[in-house]
Amino acid sequence: MTGQSGAKESEVGPTILVRPYSFALLNLPEIRQIG
């Protein structure tokens, strides 16, 4: 586990940073309709 944690973090790191943006982009149409 510890040996592969580095490789997993390198892949999960970017996803954690991108998820909030992608999630917001997907909800933009809904937010605009409500607004």
C-alpha atoms as a PDB file:
ATOM      1  CA  MET A   1       0.000   0.000   0.000  1.00  0.00           C
ATOM      2  CA  THR A   2       2.653   2.499   1.039  1.00  0.00           C
ATOM      3  CA  GLY A   3       4.745   1.722  -2.057  1.00  0.00           C
ATOM      4  CA  GLN A   4       1.889   2.506  -4.434  1.00  0.00           C
ATOM      5  CA  SER A   5       0.487   5.417  -2.409  1.00  0.00           C
ATOM      6  CA  GLY A   6       2.791   7.819  -4.276  1.00  0.00           C
ATOM      7  CA  ALA A   7       1.481   6.787  -7.695  1.00  0.00           C
ATOM      8  CA  LYS A   8      -2.121   6.884  -6.489  1.00  0.00           C
ATOM      9  CA  GLU A   9      -1.706  10.345  -4.972  1.00  0.00           C
ATOM     10  CA  SER A  10      -0.256  11.672  -8.242  1.00  0.00           C
ATOM     11  CA  GLU A  11      -3.409  10.499 -10.022  1.00  0.00           C
ATOM     12  CA  VAL A  12      -5.917  11.421  -7.313  1.00  0.00           C
ATOM     13  CA  GLY A  13      -4.375  14.840  -6.616  1.00  0.00           C
ATOM     14  CA  PRO A  14      -5.357  16.398  -9.960  1.00  0.00           C
ATOM     15  CA  THR A  15      -8.803  14.792  -9.843  1.00  0.00           C
ATOM     16  CA  ILE A  16      -9.517  16.362  -6.446  1.00  0.00           C
ATOM     17  CA  LEU A  17      -8.612  19.771  -7.888  1.00  0.00           C
ATOM     18  CA  VAL A  18     -10.636  19.237 -11.074  1.00  0.00           C
ATOM     19  CA  ARG A  19     -13.721  17.650  -9.521  1.00  0.00           C
ATOM     20  CA  PRO A  20     -15.046  20.882  -7.935  1.00  0.00           C
ATOM     21  CA  TYR A  21     -14.653  22.743 -11.250  1.00  0.00           C
ATOM     22  CA  SER A  22     -16.219  19.973 -13.355  1.00  0.00           C
ATOM     23  CA  PHE A  23     -19.043  19.615 -10.817  1.00  0.00           C
ATOM     24  CA  ALA A  24     -19.704  23.376 -10.933  1.00  0.00           C
ATOM     25  CA  LEU A  25     -19.663  23.388 -14.744  1.00  0.00           C
ATOM     26  CA  LEU A  26     -22.232  20.580 -14.809  1.00  0.00           C
ATOM     27  CA  ASN A  27     -24.473  22.498 -12.385  1.00  0.00           C
ATOM     28  CA  LEU A  28     -24.084  25.873 -14.132  1.00  0.00           C
ATOM     29  CA  PRO A  29     -27.149  25.348 -16.397  1.00  0.00           C
ATOM     30  CA  GLU A  30     -29.283  24.409 -13.383  1.00  0.00           C
ATOM     31  CA  ILE A  31     -28.044  27.372 -11.346  1.00  0.00           C
ATOM     32  CA  ARG A  32     -28.739  29.748 -14.244  1.00  0.00           C
ATOM     33  CA  GLN A  33     -32.292  28.424 -14.630  1.00  0.00           C
ATOM     34  CA  ILE A  34     -32.981  28.820 -10.903  1.00  0.00           C
ATOM     35  CA  GLY A  35     -31.431  32.299 -10.884  1.00  0.00           C
END
